[in-house]
Amino acid sequence: MFETIVSFLHDIVGATDRTDDAVTEARVAAVAICNQVMAADGKVTPEERALVADVFKTRFGLDDAHLNALLEAGERAEKEAVDFFHFTSVLKRELPIDRRNAFVGLLWDIVYADGEKTEVEDHVIWRIADLLGVDGRERVEQRIAAEKRARERLKLDS
């Protein structure tokens, strides 16, 4: 299922070099996990969506068409998912631990994008971090750093 979505979108964007393709299995898995974290508290805010779009656009240098294809692929994959394991196993296989740690930091940034953290979001990230092989101490350090970034951002917005 997941590979079919990636293959389909690979054809749509017309990339010939898979390493340069906007829609790779790891990127789709990352977006799907971001979507799951955004939806964990029962509401997806414009701030959360903007953060995810900005991160992927900037990180991979995507134009709007490739970004939209990636976001749509992640959304479709997330809707078909029954758990976190498929996505986290892809990321665990593809990313070294320092990048998985940073990814958990991004997930915390998503949680704090709307200015608050719920127990459900905390639990979802704990579960994802565990499946990614990110230890508890690192997960907490990433949360503290994201909370600090959110406070600084809110000060600037005031």
N, C-alpha and C. Protein backbone atom coordinates (compact mmCIF):
# COMPACT_ATOMS: atom_id res chain seq x y z
N MET A 1 0.83 -1.19 0.00
CA MET A 1 0.00 0.00 0.00
C MET A 1 0.87 1.25 0.00
N PHE A 2 1.76 1.36 0.98
CA PHE A 2 2.61 2.53 1.13
C PHE A 2 3.53 2.70 -0.09
N GLU A 3 4.13 1.59 -0.51
CA GLU A 3 5.04 1.64 -1.66
C GLU A 3 4.27 2.03 -2.94
N THR A 4 3.02 1.62 -3.04
CA THR A 4 2.19 1.96 -4.19
C THR A 4 1.96 3.46 -4.26
N ILE A 5 1.69 4.08 -3.11
CA ILE A 5 1.51 5.53 -3.07
C ILE A 5 2.78 6.24 -3.50
N VAL A 6 3.91 5.79 -2.94
CA VAL A 6 5.19 6.41 -3.29
C VAL A 6 5.47 6.25 -4.78
N SER A 7 5.24 5.06 -5.31
CA SER A 7 5.47 4.82 -6.73
C SER A 7 4.56 5.68 -7.59
N PHE A 8 3.28 5.75 -7.24
CA PHE A 8 2.32 6.56 -7.97
C PHE A 8 2.75 8.02 -7.99
N LEU A 9 3.12 8.56 -6.85
CA LEU A 9 3.51 9.96 -6.79
C LEU A 9 4.86 10.20 -7.46
N HIS A 10 5.71 9.20 -7.43
CA HIS A 10 6.98 9.31 -8.14
C HIS A 10 6.70 9.52 -9.63
N ASP A 11 5.74 8.78 -10.17
CA ASP A 11 5.36 8.94 -11.57
C ASP A 11 4.74 10.31 -11.85
N ILE A 12 3.91 10.79 -10.92
CA ILE A 12 3.24 12.08 -11.11
C ILE A 12 4.24 13.22 -11.21
N VAL A 13 5.23 13.23 -10.28
CA VAL A 13 6.16 14.36 -10.29
C VAL A 13 7.20 14.22 -11.38
N GLY A 14 7.28 13.05 -11.99
CA GLY A 14 8.13 12.88 -13.16
C GLY A 14 9.61 12.88 -12.86
N ALA A 15 10.00 12.56 -11.66
CA ALA A 15 11.43 12.54 -11.33
C ALA A 15 12.06 11.31 -11.94
N THR A 16 13.29 11.47 -12.41
CA THR A 16 14.00 10.34 -12.97
C THR A 16 15.05 9.81 -12.00
N ASP A 17 15.52 10.64 -11.09
CA ASP A 17 16.50 10.22 -10.10
C ASP A 17 15.80 10.13 -8.75
N ARG A 18 15.62 8.93 -8.26
CA ARG A 18 14.87 8.73 -7.02
C ARG A 18 15.48 9.50 -5.85
N THR A 19 16.79 9.69 -5.83
CA THR A 19 17.39 10.41 -4.71
C THR A 19 17.03 11.89 -4.74
N ASP A 20 16.66 12.42 -5.88
CA ASP A 20 16.25 13.83 -5.98
C ASP A 20 14.74 13.99 -5.92
N ASP A 21 14.03 12.89 -5.88
CA ASP A 21 12.58 12.92 -5.92
C ASP A 21 12.02 13.52 -4.64
N ALA A 22 11.01 14.34 -4.77
CA ALA A 22 10.36 14.95 -3.60
C ALA A 22 9.59 13.91 -2.81
N VAL A 23 9.17 12.85 -3.46
CA VAL A 23 8.30 11.86 -2.82
C VAL A 23 9.06 10.55 -2.69
N THR A 24 9.78 10.40 -1.59
CA THR A 24 10.46 9.15 -1.29
C THR A 24 9.75 8.49 -0.12
N GLU A 25 10.01 7.24 0.07
CA GLU A 25 9.36 6.49 1.14
C GLU A 25 9.61 7.13 2.50
N ALA A 26 10.86 7.53 2.75
CA ALA A 26 11.18 8.13 4.05
C ALA A 26 10.49 9.48 4.22
N ARG A 27 10.45 10.28 3.18
CA ARG A 27 9.78 11.59 3.29
C ARG A 27 8.28 11.43 3.50
N VAL A 28 7.68 10.50 2.79
CA VAL A 28 6.24 10.26 2.98
C VAL A 28 5.98 9.75 4.39
N ALA A 29 6.83 8.86 4.88
CA ALA A 29 6.68 8.35 6.25
C ALA A 29 6.79 9.50 7.26
N ALA A 30 7.74 10.40 7.04
CA ALA A 30 7.92 11.53 7.95
C ALA A 30 6.70 12.44 7.94
N VAL A 31 6.17 12.74 6.77
CA VAL A 31 4.98 13.59 6.69
C VAL A 31 3.78 12.89 7.33
N ALA A 32 3.64 11.59 7.11
CA ALA A 32 2.53 10.85 7.71
C ALA A 32 2.60 10.91 9.23
N ILE A 33 3.79 10.76 9.78
CA ILE A 33 3.94 10.86 11.24
C ILE A 33 3.61 12.27 11.71
N CYS A 34 4.08 13.27 10.97
CA CYS A 34 3.74 14.66 11.33
C CYS A 34 2.23 14.85 11.34
N ASN A 35 1.55 14.28 10.36
CA ASN A 35 0.08 14.38 10.31
C ASN A 35 -0.55 13.71 11.51
N GLN A 36 -0.01 12.57 11.91
CA GLN A 36 -0.55 11.88 13.08
C GLN A 36 -0.37 12.70 14.34
N VAL A 37 0.77 13.35 14.47
CA VAL A 37 1.01 14.20 15.64
C VAL A 37 0.09 15.43 15.60
N MET A 38 -0.07 16.03 14.41
CA MET A 38 -0.96 17.19 14.31
C MET A 38 -2.38 16.84 14.74
N ALA A 39 -2.84 15.65 14.38
CA ALA A 39 -4.22 15.25 14.66
C ALA A 39 -4.41 14.64 16.05
N ALA A 40 -3.34 14.42 16.77
CA ALA A 40 -3.43 13.69 18.05
C ALA A 40 -4.35 14.36 19.05
N ASP A 41 -4.39 15.69 19.08
CA ASP A 41 -5.23 16.39 20.06
C ASP A 41 -6.63 16.66 19.54
N GLY A 42 -6.95 16.14 18.37
CA GLY A 42 -8.29 16.28 17.83
C GLY A 42 -8.50 17.52 16.99
N LYS A 43 -7.48 18.34 16.86
CA LYS A 43 -7.61 19.53 16.00
C LYS A 43 -6.27 19.80 15.30
N VAL A 44 -6.37 20.10 14.03
CA VAL A 44 -5.19 20.45 13.25
C VAL A 44 -5.28 21.94 12.97
N THR A 45 -4.29 22.68 13.45
CA THR A 45 -4.34 24.13 13.31
C THR A 45 -3.58 24.60 12.07
N PRO A 46 -3.91 25.79 11.60
CA PRO A 46 -3.15 26.35 10.47
C PRO A 46 -1.67 26.53 10.81
N GLU A 47 -1.37 26.82 12.07
CA GLU A 47 0.02 26.98 12.48
C GLU A 47 0.79 25.67 12.36
N GLU A 48 0.14 24.57 12.72
CA GLU A 48 0.78 23.26 12.60
C GLU A 48 1.02 22.92 11.13
N ARG A 49 0.00 23.13 10.31
CA ARG A 49 0.15 22.83 8.88
C ARG A 49 1.25 23.68 8.24
N ALA A 50 1.28 24.95 8.59
CA ALA A 50 2.29 25.85 8.04
C ALA A 50 3.69 25.43 8.45
N LEU A 51 3.84 25.02 9.70
CA LEU A 51 5.15 24.58 10.18
C LEU A 51 5.63 23.36 9.40
N VAL A 52 4.78 22.37 9.24
CA VAL A 52 5.16 21.15 8.52
C VAL A 52 5.52 21.49 7.07
N ALA A 53 4.69 22.28 6.42
CA ALA A 53 4.97 22.65 5.03
C ALA A 53 6.29 23.40 4.91
N ASP A 54 6.52 24.34 5.81
CA ASP A 54 7.75 25.13 5.77
C ASP A 54 8.98 24.26 6.01
N VAL A 55 8.90 23.36 6.97
CA VAL A 55 10.05 22.50 7.28
C VAL A 55 10.41 21.63 6.07
N PHE A 56 9.43 20.98 5.47
CA PHE A 56 9.73 20.09 4.35
C PHE A 56 10.15 20.87 3.11
N LYS A 57 9.53 22.00 2.88
CA LYS A 57 9.90 22.83 1.73
C LYS A 57 11.34 23.31 1.86
N THR A 58 11.67 23.81 3.04
CA THR A 58 13.01 24.34 3.27
C THR A 58 14.06 23.24 3.30
N ARG A 59 13.77 22.18 4.04
CA ARG A 59 14.75 21.10 4.23
C ARG A 59 15.13 20.44 2.93
N PHE A 60 14.16 20.25 2.04
CA PHE A 60 14.44 19.54 0.81
C PHE A 60 14.45 20.43 -0.43
N GLY A 61 14.32 21.75 -0.23
CA GLY A 61 14.36 22.67 -1.36
C GLY A 61 13.28 22.39 -2.38
N LEU A 62 12.07 22.12 -1.92
CA LEU A 62 10.98 21.74 -2.82
C LEU A 62 10.24 22.95 -3.35
N ASP A 63 9.85 22.88 -4.62
CA ASP A 63 8.95 23.90 -5.13
C ASP A 63 7.54 23.55 -4.66
N ASP A 64 6.58 24.42 -4.94
CA ASP A 64 5.22 24.22 -4.44
C ASP A 64 4.59 22.92 -4.96
N ALA A 65 4.82 22.59 -6.22
CA ALA A 65 4.21 21.37 -6.79
C ALA A 65 4.75 20.12 -6.10
N HIS A 66 6.06 20.06 -5.92
CA HIS A 66 6.65 18.89 -5.26
C HIS A 66 6.26 18.84 -3.78
N LEU A 67 6.20 19.99 -3.14
CA LEU A 67 5.77 20.03 -1.74
C LEU A 67 4.34 19.52 -1.61
N ASN A 68 3.46 20.00 -2.46
CA ASN A 68 2.05 19.56 -2.41
C ASN A 68 1.93 18.06 -2.67
N ALA A 69 2.71 17.53 -3.62
CA ALA A 69 2.67 16.09 -3.89
C ALA A 69 3.13 15.31 -2.66
N LEU A 70 4.16 15.79 -2.00
CA LEU A 70 4.65 15.12 -0.80
C LEU A 70 3.63 15.18 0.33
N LEU A 71 3.06 16.36 0.57
CA LEU A 71 2.07 16.51 1.63
C LEU A 71 0.84 15.65 1.37
N GLU A 72 0.40 15.58 0.13
CA GLU A 72 -0.75 14.75 -0.22
C GLU A 72 -0.44 13.28 -0.04
N ALA A 73 0.77 12.87 -0.42
CA ALA A 73 1.16 11.47 -0.25
C ALA A 73 1.20 11.11 1.23
N GLY A 74 1.74 11.99 2.05
CA GLY A 74 1.78 11.76 3.49
C GLY A 74 0.40 11.68 4.09
N GLU A 75 -0.49 12.53 3.63
CA GLU A 75 -1.86 12.52 4.14
C GLU A 75 -2.58 11.22 3.77
N ARG A 76 -2.42 10.79 2.53
CA ARG A 76 -3.06 9.54 2.10
C ARG A 76 -2.50 8.34 2.87
N ALA A 77 -1.19 8.31 3.02
CA ALA A 77 -0.57 7.20 3.75
C ALA A 77 -1.03 7.18 5.20
N GLU A 78 -1.10 8.36 5.81
CA GLU A 78 -1.53 8.45 7.21
C GLU A 78 -2.97 7.98 7.38
N LYS A 79 -3.84 8.31 6.44
CA LYS A 79 -5.24 7.90 6.53
C LYS A 79 -5.40 6.40 6.41
N GLU A 80 -4.49 5.74 5.71
CA GLU A 80 -4.58 4.30 5.52
C GLU A 80 -3.86 3.52 6.62
N ALA A 81 -3.12 4.22 7.47
CA ALA A 81 -2.32 3.56 8.50
C ALA A 81 -3.18 3.07 9.66
N VAL A 82 -2.75 1.98 10.25
CA VAL A 82 -3.43 1.48 11.44
C VAL A 82 -2.59 1.71 12.69
N ASP A 83 -1.31 2.01 12.50
CA ASP A 83 -0.42 2.27 13.63
C ASP A 83 0.78 3.09 13.18
N PHE A 84 1.71 3.32 14.08
CA PHE A 84 2.92 4.10 13.78
C PHE A 84 4.03 3.24 13.20
N PHE A 85 3.96 1.93 13.41
CA PHE A 85 5.11 1.07 13.16
C PHE A 85 5.63 1.14 11.73
N HIS A 86 4.75 1.08 10.75
CA HIS A 86 5.24 1.07 9.36
C HIS A 86 6.09 2.31 9.08
N PHE A 87 5.59 3.46 9.49
CA PHE A 87 6.31 4.72 9.22
C PHE A 87 7.60 4.80 10.02
N THR A 88 7.54 4.44 11.30
CA THR A 88 8.74 4.55 12.12
C THR A 88 9.79 3.54 11.69
N SER A 89 9.38 2.38 11.21
CA SER A 89 10.37 1.39 10.76
C SER A 89 11.12 1.90 9.52
N VAL A 90 10.41 2.61 8.65
CA VAL A 90 11.08 3.20 7.48
C VAL A 90 12.10 4.23 7.94
N LEU A 91 11.70 5.11 8.83
CA LEU A 91 12.62 6.16 9.30
C LEU A 91 13.77 5.57 10.10
N LYS A 92 13.51 4.57 10.89
CA LYS A 92 14.58 3.94 11.68
C LYS A 92 15.61 3.30 10.75
N ARG A 93 15.14 2.71 9.67
CA ARG A 93 16.03 2.09 8.70
C ARG A 93 16.82 3.13 7.91
N GLU A 94 16.18 4.25 7.56
CA GLU A 94 16.78 5.23 6.65
C GLU A 94 17.59 6.33 7.34
N LEU A 95 17.29 6.63 8.59
CA LEU A 95 17.93 7.78 9.24
C LEU A 95 18.87 7.36 10.36
N PRO A 96 20.04 8.01 10.45
CA PRO A 96 20.91 7.76 11.60
C PRO A 96 20.26 8.34 12.86
N ILE A 97 20.74 7.93 14.01
CA ILE A 97 20.10 8.31 15.26
C ILE A 97 20.05 9.81 15.48
N ASP A 98 21.06 10.55 15.06
CA ASP A 98 21.02 12.01 15.27
C ASP A 98 19.88 12.66 14.49
N ARG A 99 19.59 12.14 13.31
CA ARG A 99 18.47 12.67 12.52
C ARG A 99 17.13 12.23 13.09
N ARG A 100 17.07 11.03 13.66
CA ARG A 100 15.84 10.59 14.33
C ARG A 100 15.58 11.45 15.57
N ASN A 101 16.64 11.76 16.29
CA ASN A 101 16.51 12.65 17.45
C ASN A 101 15.96 14.01 17.02
N ALA A 102 16.53 14.56 15.96
CA ALA A 102 16.08 15.86 15.45
C ALA A 102 14.63 15.78 14.97
N PHE A 103 14.25 14.66 14.39
CA PHE A 103 12.87 14.49 13.94
C PHE A 103 11.91 14.53 15.12
N VAL A 104 12.29 13.92 16.23
CA VAL A 104 11.46 14.00 17.43
C VAL A 104 11.35 15.45 17.88
N GLY A 105 12.43 16.22 17.73
CA GLY A 105 12.36 17.66 18.03
C GLY A 105 11.35 18.37 17.15
N LEU A 106 11.30 18.01 15.87
CA LEU A 106 10.31 18.58 14.96
C LEU A 106 8.89 18.22 15.43
N LEU A 107 8.70 16.99 15.85
CA LEU A 107 7.37 16.59 16.32
C LEU A 107 6.95 17.43 17.52
N TRP A 108 7.89 17.70 18.43
CA TRP A 108 7.58 18.57 19.56
C TRP A 108 7.27 19.98 19.07
N ASP A 109 7.99 20.48 18.06
CA ASP A 109 7.69 21.80 17.50
C ASP A 109 6.25 21.85 16.98
N ILE A 110 5.81 20.76 16.37
CA ILE A 110 4.44 20.69 15.87
C ILE A 110 3.46 20.78 17.04
N VAL A 111 3.73 20.04 18.10
CA VAL A 111 2.86 20.07 19.28
C VAL A 111 2.74 21.49 19.81
N TYR A 112 3.85 22.19 19.92
CA TYR A 112 3.84 23.53 20.51
C TYR A 112 3.46 24.63 19.52
N ALA A 113 3.24 24.28 18.25
CA ALA A 113 2.88 25.30 17.25
C ALA A 113 1.59 26.02 17.60
N ASP A 114 0.67 25.31 18.27
CA ASP A 114 -0.60 25.94 18.66
C ASP A 114 -0.56 26.48 20.09
N GLY A 115 0.63 26.42 20.72
CA GLY A 115 0.80 27.03 22.03
C GLY A 115 0.50 26.15 23.22
N GLU A 116 0.12 24.89 22.98
CA GLU A 116 -0.20 24.02 24.12
C GLU A 116 0.16 22.57 23.82
N LYS A 117 0.39 21.82 24.89
CA LYS A 117 0.70 20.39 24.79
C LYS A 117 -0.34 19.62 25.59
N THR A 118 -0.91 18.59 24.99
CA THR A 118 -1.88 17.76 25.69
C THR A 118 -1.23 16.44 26.09
N GLU A 119 -1.89 15.72 27.00
CA GLU A 119 -1.41 14.39 27.40
C GLU A 119 -1.38 13.43 26.21
N VAL A 120 -2.37 13.55 25.35
CA VAL A 120 -2.43 12.66 24.19
C VAL A 120 -1.23 12.90 23.28
N GLU A 121 -0.91 14.16 23.02
CA GLU A 121 0.25 14.48 22.18
C GLU A 121 1.53 13.96 22.82
N ASP A 122 1.65 14.14 24.12
CA ASP A 122 2.82 13.66 24.85
C ASP A 122 2.95 12.14 24.69
N HIS A 123 1.85 11.44 24.82
CA HIS A 123 1.86 9.98 24.68
C HIS A 123 2.22 9.56 23.25
N VAL A 124 1.64 10.23 22.27
CA VAL A 124 1.91 9.89 20.87
C VAL A 124 3.41 10.06 20.57
N ILE A 125 3.99 11.14 21.02
CA ILE A 125 5.42 11.34 20.74
C ILE A 125 6.27 10.34 21.52
N TRP A 126 5.88 10.03 22.75
CA TRP A 126 6.61 9.02 23.51
C TRP A 126 6.63 7.71 22.71
N ARG A 127 5.49 7.32 22.17
CA ARG A 127 5.37 6.06 21.43
C ARG A 127 6.21 6.10 20.15
N ILE A 128 6.11 7.20 19.41
CA ILE A 128 6.88 7.33 18.17
C ILE A 128 8.37 7.33 18.46
N ALA A 129 8.79 8.09 19.46
CA ALA A 129 10.21 8.15 19.81
C ALA A 129 10.74 6.76 20.19
N ASP A 130 9.94 6.03 20.95
CA ASP A 130 10.32 4.67 21.34
C ASP A 130 10.51 3.79 20.11
N LEU A 131 9.58 3.85 19.17
CA LEU A 131 9.67 3.05 17.96
C LEU A 131 10.84 3.47 17.07
N LEU A 132 11.23 4.74 17.15
CA LEU A 132 12.38 5.25 16.39
C LEU A 132 13.71 4.92 17.05
N GLY A 133 13.66 4.40 18.27
CA GLY A 133 14.90 4.10 18.98
C GLY A 133 15.51 5.31 19.66
N VAL A 134 14.69 6.35 19.85
CA VAL A 134 15.15 7.57 20.55
C VAL A 134 14.89 7.35 22.03
N ASP A 135 15.95 7.48 22.85
CA ASP A 135 15.76 7.19 24.27
C ASP A 135 14.99 8.28 24.99
N GLY A 136 14.49 7.94 26.16
CA GLY A 136 13.64 8.85 26.93
C GLY A 136 14.30 10.17 27.27
N ARG A 137 15.55 10.12 27.62
CA ARG A 137 16.26 11.36 27.97
C ARG A 137 16.32 12.31 26.77
N GLU A 138 16.64 11.77 25.61
CA GLU A 138 16.71 12.59 24.39
C GLU A 138 15.34 13.15 24.04
N ARG A 139 14.30 12.33 24.19
CA ARG A 139 12.94 12.79 23.92
C ARG A 139 12.58 13.97 24.80
N VAL A 140 12.93 13.89 26.08
CA VAL A 140 12.64 14.99 27.01
C VAL A 140 13.47 16.22 26.67
N GLU A 141 14.74 16.03 26.33
CA GLU A 141 15.58 17.17 25.94
C GLU A 141 15.02 17.87 24.70
N GLN A 142 14.54 17.07 23.75
CA GLN A 142 13.94 17.65 22.54
C GLN A 142 12.66 18.42 22.89
N ARG A 143 11.88 17.89 23.82
CA ARG A 143 10.65 18.58 24.25
C ARG A 143 10.98 19.91 24.92
N ILE A 144 11.96 19.92 25.80
CA ILE A 144 12.35 21.15 26.49
C ILE A 144 12.84 22.19 25.49
N ALA A 145 13.64 21.76 24.53
CA ALA A 145 14.15 22.69 23.51
C ALA A 145 13.01 23.24 22.65
N ALA A 146 12.06 22.39 22.29
CA ALA A 146 10.91 22.85 21.48
C ALA A 146 10.04 23.81 22.27
N GLU A 147 9.86 23.52 23.55
CA GLU A 147 9.06 24.41 24.40
C GLU A 147 9.73 25.79 24.50
N LYS A 148 11.03 25.80 24.61
CA LYS A 148 11.78 27.07 24.65
C LYS A 148 11.62 27.83 23.33
N ARG A 149 11.74 27.12 22.21
CA ARG A 149 11.57 27.77 20.90
C ARG A 149 10.16 28.35 20.78
N ALA A 150 9.17 27.63 21.28
CA ALA A 150 7.78 28.10 21.21
C ALA A 150 7.59 29.36 22.05
N ARG A 151 8.17 29.38 23.25
CA ARG A 151 8.06 30.59 24.09
C ARG A 151 8.72 31.77 23.42
N GLU A 152 9.87 31.57 22.80
CA GLU A 152 10.56 32.65 22.10
C GLU A 152 9.73 33.14 20.91
N ARG A 153 9.13 32.21 20.19
CA ARG A 153 8.31 32.58 19.04
C ARG A 153 7.09 33.37 19.50
N LEU A 154 6.46 32.94 20.58
CA LEU A 154 5.30 33.66 21.10
C LEU A 154 5.66 35.06 21.57
N LYS A 155 6.85 35.22 22.13
CA LYS A 155 7.31 36.56 22.53
C LYS A 155 7.44 37.46 21.31
N LEU A 156 8.00 36.91 20.25
CA LEU A 156 8.19 37.68 19.02
C LEU A 156 6.87 38.05 18.38
N ASP A 157 5.89 37.15 18.49
CA ASP A 157 4.57 37.39 17.90
C ASP A 157 3.76 38.42 18.69
N SER A 158 4.12 38.62 19.96
CA SER A 158 3.34 39.54 20.81
C SER A 158 3.61 40.99 20.50
